[in-house]
């Protein structure tokens, strides 16, 4: 059946609408993400803390803003504490690891590599002296390259830390902005969402709520499953390393558990 002119127009307008929406979203994502992020994160935090506020409101029999502000404040205190413990723990452990790496490498690993080099060269000489030379050269330069990296590991670590600290003020502004926004959004949550809903066409609203249900369900399941996988990996490695009496088993297990999520690296 042939499309009528009106249907064609409608179809073209719909396609144009979808393309425009995607183009705008892409533009926002690429160029405005830096400014847009605090709003988004602030909104997501407010959204995540809603159930907690509702739960407490049931007991306190109050619908005032006090409970909301208390919940948001408690959330940030917990986050700050966790971060402080994690960062101070990780910094001490990583500094230890960085300091001990050269010793470990030069005393334990390099002698093995040199031995391996000699073993290969000796065996390759029987087959072809030329091949033995080139293999030996490759391995020697590899050993030199690695020892160069290991020697400079503390220098590059200090460099990395300096870089992080220099960009810290910028991140701090974003973080403060996010915190302030999440407080305001939490306090005015119902009013804000009602206002936004009123601005959007009905069709968009129903699609949006469907998408939200699907996304929040799916993302939550994904986060949960990844968290469980990481926890299992972490526990297995931690127990294994502890049995082997490896020093600093905890940070090593934690680092490997995080790397495990990355597709290419894995725990290999």
C-alpha atoms as a PDB file:
ATOM      1  CA  UNK A   1       0.000   0.000   0.000  1.00  0.00           C
ATOM      2  CA  UNK A   2       1.285   3.420  -0.959  1.00  0.00           C
ATOM      3  CA  UNK A   3       1.930   5.902   1.838  1.00  0.00           C
ATOM      4  CA  UNK A   4      -0.205   8.995   1.732  1.00  0.00           C
ATOM      5  CA  UNK A   5       1.505  12.367   1.608  1.00  0.00           C
ATOM      6  CA  UNK A   6       0.595  13.053   5.252  1.00  0.00           C
ATOM      7  CA  UNK A   7       2.064   9.730   6.391  1.00  0.00           C
ATOM      8  CA  UNK A   8       5.265  10.452   4.470  1.00  0.00           C
ATOM      9  CA  UNK A   9       5.511  13.888   6.066  1.00  0.00           C
ATOM     10  CA  UNK A  10       4.883  12.379   9.472  1.00  0.00           C
ATOM     11  CA  UNK A  11       7.545   9.703   8.882  1.00  0.00           C
ATOM     12  CA  UNK A  12      10.130  12.267   7.750  1.00  0.00           C
ATOM     13  CA  UNK A  13       9.361  14.519  10.715  1.00  0.00           C
ATOM     14  CA  UNK A  14       9.736  11.572  13.122  1.00  0.00           C
ATOM     15  CA  UNK A  15      13.074  10.548  11.602  1.00  0.00           C
ATOM     16  CA  UNK A  16      14.285  14.164  11.687  1.00  0.00           C
ATOM     17  CA  UNK A  17      13.205  14.404  15.341  1.00  0.00           C
ATOM     18  CA  UNK A  18      15.105  11.252  16.316  1.00  0.00           C
ATOM     19  CA  UNK A  19      18.232  12.357  14.399  1.00  0.00           C
ATOM     20  CA  UNK A  20      18.090  15.799  16.007  1.00  0.00           C
ATOM     21  CA  UNK A  21      17.716  14.333  19.489  1.00  0.00           C
ATOM     22  CA  UNK A  22      20.716  12.065  18.909  1.00  0.00           C
ATOM     23  CA  UNK A  23      22.793  14.920  17.469  1.00  0.00           C
ATOM     24  CA  UNK A  24      21.977  17.154  20.451  1.00  0.00           C
ATOM     25  CA  UNK A  25      22.740  14.344  22.906  1.00  0.00           C
ATOM     26  CA  UNK A  26      26.037  13.649  21.149  1.00  0.00           C
ATOM     27  CA  UNK A  27      26.978  17.339  21.207  1.00  0.00           C
ATOM     28  CA  UNK A  28      26.084  17.580  24.894  1.00  0.00           C
ATOM     29  CA  UNK A  29      28.030  14.420  25.648  1.00  0.00           C
ATOM     30  CA  UNK A  30      31.191  15.470  23.839  1.00  0.00           C
ATOM     31  CA  UNK A  31      31.388  19.197  24.534  1.00  0.00           C
ATOM     32  CA  UNK A  32      29.251  19.980  27.542  1.00  0.00           C
ATOM     33  CA  UNK A  33      29.890  16.814  29.578  1.00  0.00           C
ATOM     34  CA  UNK A  34      32.412  18.647  31.748  1.00  0.00           C
ATOM     35  CA  UNK A  35      29.791  21.190  32.857  1.00  0.00           C
ATOM     36  CA  UNK A  36      26.878  18.815  32.658  1.00  0.00           C
ATOM     37  CA  UNK A  37      28.391  16.050  34.763  1.00  0.00           C
ATOM     38  CA  UNK A  38      27.884  17.595  38.243  1.00  0.00           C
ATOM     39  CA  UNK A  39      24.159  18.074  37.440  1.00  0.00           C
ATOM     40  CA  UNK A  40      23.838  14.496  36.249  1.00  0.00           C
ATOM     41  CA  UNK A  41      25.739  12.981  39.181  1.00  0.00           C
ATOM     42  CA  UNK A  42      23.930  15.282  41.629  1.00  0.00           C
ATOM     43  CA  UNK A  43      20.605  14.121  40.222  1.00  0.00           C
ATOM     44  CA  UNK A  44      21.622  10.441  40.318  1.00  0.00           C
ATOM     45  CA  UNK A  45      22.750  10.745  43.954  1.00  0.00           C
ATOM     46  CA  UNK A  46      19.463  12.446  44.858  1.00  0.00           C
ATOM     47  CA  UNK A  47      17.577   9.682  43.030  1.00  0.00           C
ATOM     48  CA  UNK A  48      19.553   6.945  44.785  1.00  0.00           C
ATOM     49  CA  UNK A  49      18.976   8.480  48.234  1.00  0.00           C
ATOM     50  CA  UNK A  50      15.206   8.867  47.727  1.00  0.00           C
ATOM     51  CA  UNK A  51      14.282   5.394  49.078  1.00  0.00           C
ATOM     52  CA  UNK A  52      16.409   5.980  52.208  1.00  0.00           C
ATOM     53  CA  UNK A  53      14.676   9.304  52.883  1.00  0.00           C
ATOM     54  CA  UNK A  54      11.243   7.724  52.375  1.00  0.00           C
ATOM     55  CA  UNK A  55      12.189   4.853  54.690  1.00  0.00           C
ATOM     56  CA  UNK A  56      13.294   7.197  57.488  1.00  0.00           C
ATOM     57  CA  UNK A  57      10.261   9.455  56.949  1.00  0.00           C
ATOM     58  CA  UNK A  58       8.007   6.493  57.760  1.00  0.00           C
ATOM     59  CA  UNK A  59       9.517   6.272  61.242  1.00  0.00           C
ATOM     60  CA  UNK A  60       9.961   9.955  61.979  1.00  0.00           C
ATOM     61  CA  UNK A  61       6.467  10.808  60.639  1.00  0.00           C
ATOM     62  CA  UNK A  62       7.911  13.940  59.084  1.00  0.00           C
ATOM     63  CA  UNK A  63       7.968  15.127  55.510  1.00  0.00           C
ATOM     64  CA  UNK A  64      10.183  18.108  56.230  1.00  0.00           C
ATOM     65  CA  UNK A  65      13.510  18.852  54.585  1.00  0.00           C
ATOM     66  CA  UNK A  66      15.491  18.013  57.708  1.00  0.00           C
ATOM     67  CA  UNK A  67      15.402  14.273  57.028  1.00  0.00           C
ATOM     68  CA  UNK A  68      16.460  14.758  53.401  1.00  0.00           C
ATOM     69  CA  UNK A  69      19.403  16.971  54.356  1.00  0.00           C
ATOM     70  CA  UNK A  70      20.390  14.521  57.111  1.00  0.00           C
ATOM     71  CA  UNK A  71      20.347  11.557  54.675  1.00  0.00           C
ATOM     72  CA  UNK A  72      22.447  13.404  52.076  1.00  0.00           C
ATOM     73  CA  UNK A  73      24.914  14.582  54.730  1.00  0.00           C
ATOM     74  CA  UNK A  74      25.200  11.075  56.216  1.00  0.00           C
ATOM     75  CA  UNK A  75      25.811   9.696  52.708  1.00  0.00           C
ATOM     76  CA  UNK A  76      28.708  12.114  52.132  1.00  0.00           C
ATOM     77  CA  UNK A  77      30.203  11.462  55.564  1.00  0.00           C
ATOM     78  CA  UNK A  78      30.213   7.706  54.843  1.00  0.00           C
ATOM     79  CA  UNK A  79      31.714   8.250  51.375  1.00  0.00           C
ATOM     80  CA  UNK A  80      34.389  10.581  52.802  1.00  0.00           C
ATOM     81  CA  UNK A  81      35.299   8.068  55.512  1.00  0.00           C
ATOM     82  CA  UNK A  82      35.523   5.162  53.065  1.00  0.00           C
ATOM     83  CA  UNK A  83      37.635   7.249  50.663  1.00  0.00           C
ATOM     84  CA  UNK A  84      39.917   8.445  53.457  1.00  0.00           C
ATOM     85  CA  UNK A  85      40.502   4.900  54.752  1.00  0.00           C
ATOM     86  CA  UNK A  86      40.988   3.497  51.242  1.00  0.00           C
ATOM     87  CA  UNK A  87      43.281   6.271  50.043  1.00  0.00           C
ATOM     88  CA  UNK A  88      45.481   6.318  53.150  1.00  0.00           C
ATOM     89  CA  UNK A  89      45.689   2.515  53.089  1.00  0.00           C
ATOM     90  CA  UNK A  90      46.395   2.345  49.348  1.00  0.00           C
ATOM     91  CA  UNK A  91      48.982   5.143  49.448  1.00  0.00           C
ATOM     92  CA  UNK A  92      50.994   3.402  52.165  1.00  0.00           C
ATOM     93  CA  UNK A  93      50.699   0.015  50.473  1.00  0.00           C
ATOM     94  CA  UNK A  94      51.518   1.304  46.977  1.00  0.00           C
ATOM     95  CA  UNK A  95      54.478   3.348  48.282  1.00  0.00           C
ATOM     96  CA  UNK A  96      55.753   0.176  49.953  1.00  0.00           C
ATOM     97  CA  UNK A  97      55.248  -1.747  46.738  1.00  0.00           C
ATOM     98  CA  UNK A  98      57.028   0.928  44.653  1.00  0.00           C
ATOM     99  CA  UNK A  99      59.930   1.041  47.108  1.00  0.00           C
ATOM    100  CA  UNK A 100      60.316  -2.720  47.248  1.00  0.00           C
ATOM    101  CA  UNK A 101      59.954  -3.357  43.488  1.00  0.00           C
ATOM    102  CA  UNK A 102      63.563  -2.540  42.499  1.00  0.00           C
ATOM    103  CA  UNK A 103      64.846  -4.822  45.274  1.00  0.00           C
ATOM    104  CA  UNK A 104      62.511  -7.648  44.244  1.00  0.00           C
ATOM    105  CA  UNK A 105      63.394  -7.265  40.599  1.00  0.00           C
ATOM    106  CA  UNK A 106      67.171  -6.991  40.880  1.00  0.00           C
ATOM    107  CA  UNK A 107      67.503  -9.700  43.536  1.00  0.00           C
ATOM    108  CA  UNK A 108      64.907 -12.213  42.384  1.00  0.00           C
ATOM    109  CA  UNK A 109      63.709 -11.687  38.830  1.00  0.00           C
ATOM    110  CA  UNK A 110      66.713 -10.382  36.901  1.00  0.00           C
ATOM    111  CA  UNK A 111      69.041 -13.270  37.890  1.00  0.00           C
ATOM    112  CA  UNK A 112      66.360 -15.665  36.581  1.00  0.00           C
ATOM    113  CA  UNK A 113      66.111 -13.764  33.293  1.00  0.00           C
ATOM    114  CA  UNK A 114      69.891 -13.768  32.854  1.00  0.00           C
ATOM    115  CA  UNK A 115      69.989 -17.481  33.607  1.00  0.00           C
ATOM    116  CA  UNK A 116      67.175 -18.051  31.089  1.00  0.00           C
ATOM    117  CA  UNK A 117      69.111 -16.012  28.510  1.00  0.00           C
ATOM    118  CA  UNK A 118      72.235 -18.147  29.017  1.00  0.00           C
ATOM    119  CA  UNK A 119      70.227 -21.369  28.832  1.00  0.00           C
ATOM    120  CA  UNK A 120      68.578 -20.350  25.541  1.00  0.00           C
ATOM    121  CA  UNK A 121      71.881 -19.166  24.049  1.00  0.00           C
ATOM    122  CA  UNK A 122      73.655 -22.396  24.969  1.00  0.00           C
ATOM    123  CA  UNK A 123      70.910 -24.539  23.460  1.00  0.00           C
ATOM    124  CA  UNK A 124      70.513 -22.359  20.358  1.00  0.00           C
ATOM    125  CA  UNK A 125      74.278 -22.488  19.652  1.00  0.00           C
ATOM    126  CA  UNK A 126      73.957 -26.213  18.929  1.00  0.00           C
ATOM    127  CA  UNK A 127      71.420 -25.461  16.197  1.00  0.00           C
ATOM    128  CA  UNK A 128      72.728 -22.198  14.753  1.00  0.00           C
ATOM    129  CA  UNK A 129      75.307 -19.794  16.220  1.00  0.00           C
ATOM    130  CA  UNK A 130      73.804 -16.811  14.315  1.00  0.00           C
ATOM    131  CA  UNK A 131      70.348 -17.425  15.721  1.00  0.00           C
ATOM    132  CA  UNK A 132      71.858 -17.783  19.193  1.00  0.00           C
ATOM    133  CA  UNK A 133      73.464 -14.340  18.872  1.00  0.00           C
ATOM    134  CA  UNK A 134      70.315 -12.553  17.738  1.00  0.00           C
ATOM    135  CA  UNK A 135      68.133 -14.276  20.372  1.00  0.00           C
ATOM    136  CA  UNK A 136      70.655 -13.334  23.053  1.00  0.00           C
ATOM    137  CA  UNK A 137      70.669  -9.712  21.843  1.00  0.00           C
ATOM    138  CA  UNK A 138      66.862  -9.508  21.930  1.00  0.00           C
ATOM    139  CA  UNK A 139      66.684 -10.918  25.465  1.00  0.00           C
ATOM    140  CA  UNK A 140      69.548  -8.723  26.701  1.00  0.00           C
ATOM    141  CA  UNK A 141      67.913  -5.562  25.384  1.00  0.00           C
ATOM    142  CA  UNK A 142      64.609  -6.655  26.929  1.00  0.00           C
ATOM    143  CA  UNK A 143      66.352  -7.133  30.299  1.00  0.00           C
ATOM    144  CA  UNK A 144      67.971  -3.681  29.971  1.00  0.00           C
ATOM    145  CA  UNK A 145      64.631  -2.104  29.082  1.00  0.00           C
ATOM    146  CA  UNK A 146      62.859  -3.679  32.075  1.00  0.00           C
ATOM    147  CA  UNK A 147      65.619  -2.744  34.518  1.00  0.00           C
ATOM    148  CA  UNK A 148      65.460   0.836  33.192  1.00  0.00           C
ATOM    149  CA  UNK A 149      61.740   0.953  33.944  1.00  0.00           C
ATOM    150  CA  UNK A 150      62.173  -0.599  37.381  1.00  0.00           C
ATOM    151  CA  UNK A 151      65.022   1.796  38.270  1.00  0.00           C
ATOM    152  CA  UNK A 152      62.837   4.754  37.356  1.00  0.00           C
ATOM    153  CA  UNK A 153      59.614   3.412  38.844  1.00  0.00           C
ATOM    154  CA  UNK A 154      59.788   5.636  41.912  1.00  0.00           C
ATOM    155  CA  UNK A 155      60.503   8.672  39.699  1.00  0.00           C
ATOM    156  CA  UNK A 156      57.552   7.963  37.409  1.00  0.00           C
ATOM    157  CA  UNK A 157      55.341   7.263  40.438  1.00  0.00           C
ATOM    158  CA  UNK A 158      56.254  10.652  41.920  1.00  0.00           C
ATOM    159  CA  UNK A 159      55.558  12.216  38.517  1.00  0.00           C
ATOM    160  CA  UNK A 160      52.126  10.613  38.370  1.00  0.00           C
ATOM    161  CA  UNK A 161      51.252  11.776  41.891  1.00  0.00           C
ATOM    162  CA  UNK A 162      52.405  15.327  41.040  1.00  0.00           C
ATOM    163  CA  UNK A 163      50.240  15.325  37.905  1.00  0.00           C
ATOM    164  CA  UNK A 164      47.230  14.171  39.937  1.00  0.00           C
ATOM    165  CA  UNK A 165      47.788  16.831  42.588  1.00  0.00           C
ATOM    166  CA  UNK A 166      48.171  19.609  39.998  1.00  0.00           C
ATOM    167  CA  UNK A 167      44.781  18.779  38.440  1.00  0.00           C
ATOM    168  CA  UNK A 168      43.217  18.375  41.892  1.00  0.00           C
ATOM    169  CA  UNK A 169      41.755  21.942  42.253  1.00  0.00           C
ATOM    170  CA  UNK A 170      39.702  21.493  39.066  1.00  0.00           C
ATOM    171  CA  UNK A 171      38.280  18.183  40.299  1.00  0.00           C
ATOM    172  CA  UNK A 172      37.653  19.710  43.716  1.00  0.00           C
ATOM    173  CA  UNK A 173      35.458  22.437  42.168  1.00  0.00           C
ATOM    174  CA  UNK A 174      33.474  19.776  40.287  1.00  0.00           C
ATOM    175  CA  UNK A 175      33.091  17.678  43.448  1.00  0.00           C
ATOM    176  CA  UNK A 176      31.923  20.619  45.595  1.00  0.00           C
ATOM    177  CA  UNK A 177      29.517  21.679  42.846  1.00  0.00           C
ATOM    178  CA  UNK A 178      28.168  18.105  42.650  1.00  0.00           C
ATOM    179  CA  UNK A 179      27.681  17.918  46.424  1.00  0.00           C
ATOM    180  CA  UNK A 180      25.837  21.260  46.561  1.00  0.00           C
ATOM    181  CA  UNK A 181      23.655  20.301  43.587  1.00  0.00           C
ATOM    182  CA  UNK A 182      22.787  16.901  45.033  1.00  0.00           C
ATOM    183  CA  UNK A 183      21.652  18.575  48.270  1.00  0.00           C
ATOM    184  CA  UNK A 184      19.455  21.085  46.417  1.00  0.00           C
ATOM    185  CA  UNK A 185      18.041  18.466  44.069  1.00  0.00           C
ATOM    186  CA  UNK A 186      17.309  16.106  46.987  1.00  0.00           C
ATOM    187  CA  UNK A 187      15.483  18.818  48.916  1.00  0.00           C
ATOM    188  CA  UNK A 188      13.410  19.936  45.911  1.00  0.00           C
ATOM    189  CA  UNK A 189      13.197  16.499  44.252  1.00  0.00           C
ATOM    190  CA  UNK A 190       9.410  16.205  43.857  1.00  0.00           C
ATOM    191  CA  UNK A 191       9.014  19.785  42.659  1.00  0.00           C
ATOM    192  CA  UNK A 192      11.851  19.441  40.155  1.00  0.00           C
ATOM    193  CA  UNK A 193      10.735  16.148  38.647  1.00  0.00           C
ATOM    194  CA  UNK A 194       7.147  17.399  38.401  1.00  0.00           C
ATOM    195  CA  UNK A 195       8.388  20.573  36.659  1.00  0.00           C
ATOM    196  CA  UNK A 196      10.525  18.602  34.176  1.00  0.00           C
ATOM    197  CA  UNK A 197       7.646  16.209  33.463  1.00  0.00           C
ATOM    198  CA  UNK A 198       5.324  19.155  32.740  1.00  0.00           C
ATOM    199  CA  UNK A 199       7.784  20.492  30.150  1.00  0.00           C
ATOM    200  CA  UNK A 200       7.986  17.229  28.216  1.00  0.00           C
ATOM    201  CA  UNK A 201       5.318  15.892  25.845  1.00  0.00           C
ATOM    202  CA  UNK A 202       3.182  12.997  27.140  1.00  0.00           C
ATOM    203  CA  UNK A 203       4.565  10.472  24.646  1.00  0.00           C
ATOM    204  CA  UNK A 204       8.114  11.250  25.732  1.00  0.00           C
ATOM    205  CA  UNK A 205       7.201  10.883  29.401  1.00  0.00           C
ATOM    206  CA  UNK A 206       5.791   7.372  29.069  1.00  0.00           C
ATOM    207  CA  UNK A 207       8.765   6.263  26.950  1.00  0.00           C
ATOM    208  CA  UNK A 208      11.107   7.866  29.456  1.00  0.00           C
ATOM    209  CA  UNK A 209       9.582   6.117  32.462  1.00  0.00           C
ATOM    210  CA  UNK A 210       9.694   2.766  30.610  1.00  0.00           C
ATOM    211  CA  UNK A 211      13.351   3.328  29.726  1.00  0.00           C
ATOM    212  CA  UNK A 212      14.107   4.371  33.293  1.00  0.00           C
ATOM    213  CA  UNK A 213      12.554   1.201  34.722  1.00  0.00           C
ATOM    214  CA  UNK A 214      14.440  -0.975  32.256  1.00  0.00           C
ATOM    215  CA  UNK A 215      17.745   0.857  32.689  1.00  0.00           C
ATOM    216  CA  UNK A 216      17.672   1.080  36.468  1.00  0.00           C
ATOM    217  CA  UNK A 217      16.791  -2.624  36.653  1.00  0.00           C
ATOM    218  CA  UNK A 218      19.458  -3.675  34.162  1.00  0.00           C
ATOM    219  CA  UNK A 219      22.221  -1.381  35.417  1.00  0.00           C
ATOM    220  CA  UNK A 220      21.542  -2.403  39.018  1.00  0.00           C
ATOM    221  CA  UNK A 221      21.756  -6.093  38.029  1.00  0.00           C
ATOM    222  CA  UNK A 222      24.998  -5.435  36.134  1.00  0.00           C
ATOM    223  CA  UNK A 223      26.576  -3.557  39.035  1.00  0.00           C
ATOM    224  CA  UNK A 224      25.537  -6.311  41.429  1.00  0.00           C
ATOM    225  CA  UNK A 225      26.880  -9.122  39.251  1.00  0.00           C
ATOM    226  CA  UNK A 226      30.182  -7.301  38.601  1.00  0.00           C
ATOM    227  CA  UNK A 227      30.547  -6.577  42.305  1.00  0.00           C
ATOM    228  CA  UNK A 228      29.969 -10.259  43.132  1.00  0.00           C
ATOM    229  CA  UNK A 229      32.491 -11.386  40.484  1.00  0.00           C
ATOM    230  CA  UNK A 230      35.086  -8.895  41.789  1.00  0.00           C
ATOM    231  CA  UNK A 231      34.484  -9.991  45.365  1.00  0.00           C
ATOM    232  CA  UNK A 232      34.923 -13.682  44.452  1.00  0.00           C
ATOM    233  CA  UNK A 233      38.115 -12.954  42.471  1.00  0.00           C
ATOM    234  CA  UNK A 234      39.452 -10.782  45.295  1.00  0.00           C
ATOM    235  CA  UNK A 235      38.720 -13.409  47.971  1.00  0.00           C
ATOM    236  CA  UNK A 236      40.228 -16.260  45.924  1.00  0.00           C
ATOM    237  CA  UNK A 237      43.421 -14.331  45.150  1.00  0.00           C
ATOM    238  CA  UNK A 238      43.719 -12.945  48.683  1.00  0.00           C
ATOM    239  CA  UNK A 239      43.355 -16.418  50.222  1.00  0.00           C
ATOM    240  CA  UNK A 240      45.778 -17.889  47.678  1.00  0.00           C
ATOM    241  CA  UNK A 241      48.424 -15.239  48.236  1.00  0.00           C
ATOM    242  CA  UNK A 242      48.000 -15.474  52.024  1.00  0.00           C
ATOM    243  CA  UNK A 243      48.557 -19.233  51.908  1.00  0.00           C
ATOM    244  CA  UNK A 244      51.679 -18.609  49.814  1.00  0.00           C
ATOM    245  CA  UNK A 245      52.715 -16.058  52.478  1.00  0.00           C
ATOM    246  CA  UNK A 246      53.033 -13.268  49.909  1.00  0.00           C
ATOM    247  CA  UNK A 247      53.614  -9.840  51.477  1.00  0.00           C
ATOM    248  CA  UNK A 248      50.980  -7.180  50.760  1.00  0.00           C
ATOM    249  CA  UNK A 249      48.457  -9.793  49.647  1.00  0.00           C
ATOM    250  CA  UNK A 250      45.561  -7.390  50.159  1.00  0.00           C
ATOM    251  CA  UNK A 251      46.468  -4.571  47.727  1.00  0.00           C
ATOM    252  CA  UNK A 252      47.742  -7.066  45.143  1.00  0.00           C
ATOM    253  CA  UNK A 253      44.452  -9.000  45.325  1.00  0.00           C
ATOM    254  CA  UNK A 254      42.484  -5.733  45.112  1.00  0.00           C
ATOM    255  CA  UNK A 255      44.432  -4.522  42.059  1.00  0.00           C
ATOM    256  CA  UNK A 256      44.006  -7.877  40.287  1.00  0.00           C
ATOM    257  CA  UNK A 257      40.268  -7.981  41.101  1.00  0.00           C
ATOM    258  CA  UNK A 258      39.840  -4.543  39.479  1.00  0.00           C
ATOM    259  CA  UNK A 259      41.980  -5.489  36.453  1.00  0.00           C
ATOM    260  CA  UNK A 260      39.876  -8.624  36.075  1.00  0.00           C
ATOM    261  CA  UNK A 261      36.931  -6.523  34.850  1.00  0.00           C
ATOM    262  CA  UNK A 262      39.006  -5.052  31.988  1.00  0.00           C
ATOM    263  CA  UNK A 263      38.334  -7.169  28.898  1.00  0.00           C
ATOM    264  CA  UNK A 264      41.826  -7.587  27.380  1.00  0.00           C
ATOM    265  CA  UNK A 265      44.087  -7.628  30.445  1.00  0.00           C
ATOM    266  CA  UNK A 266      42.052  -9.925  32.666  1.00  0.00           C
ATOM    267  CA  UNK A 267      43.875 -11.605  35.517  1.00  0.00           C
ATOM    268  CA  UNK A 268      46.465 -13.107  33.167  1.00  0.00           C
END
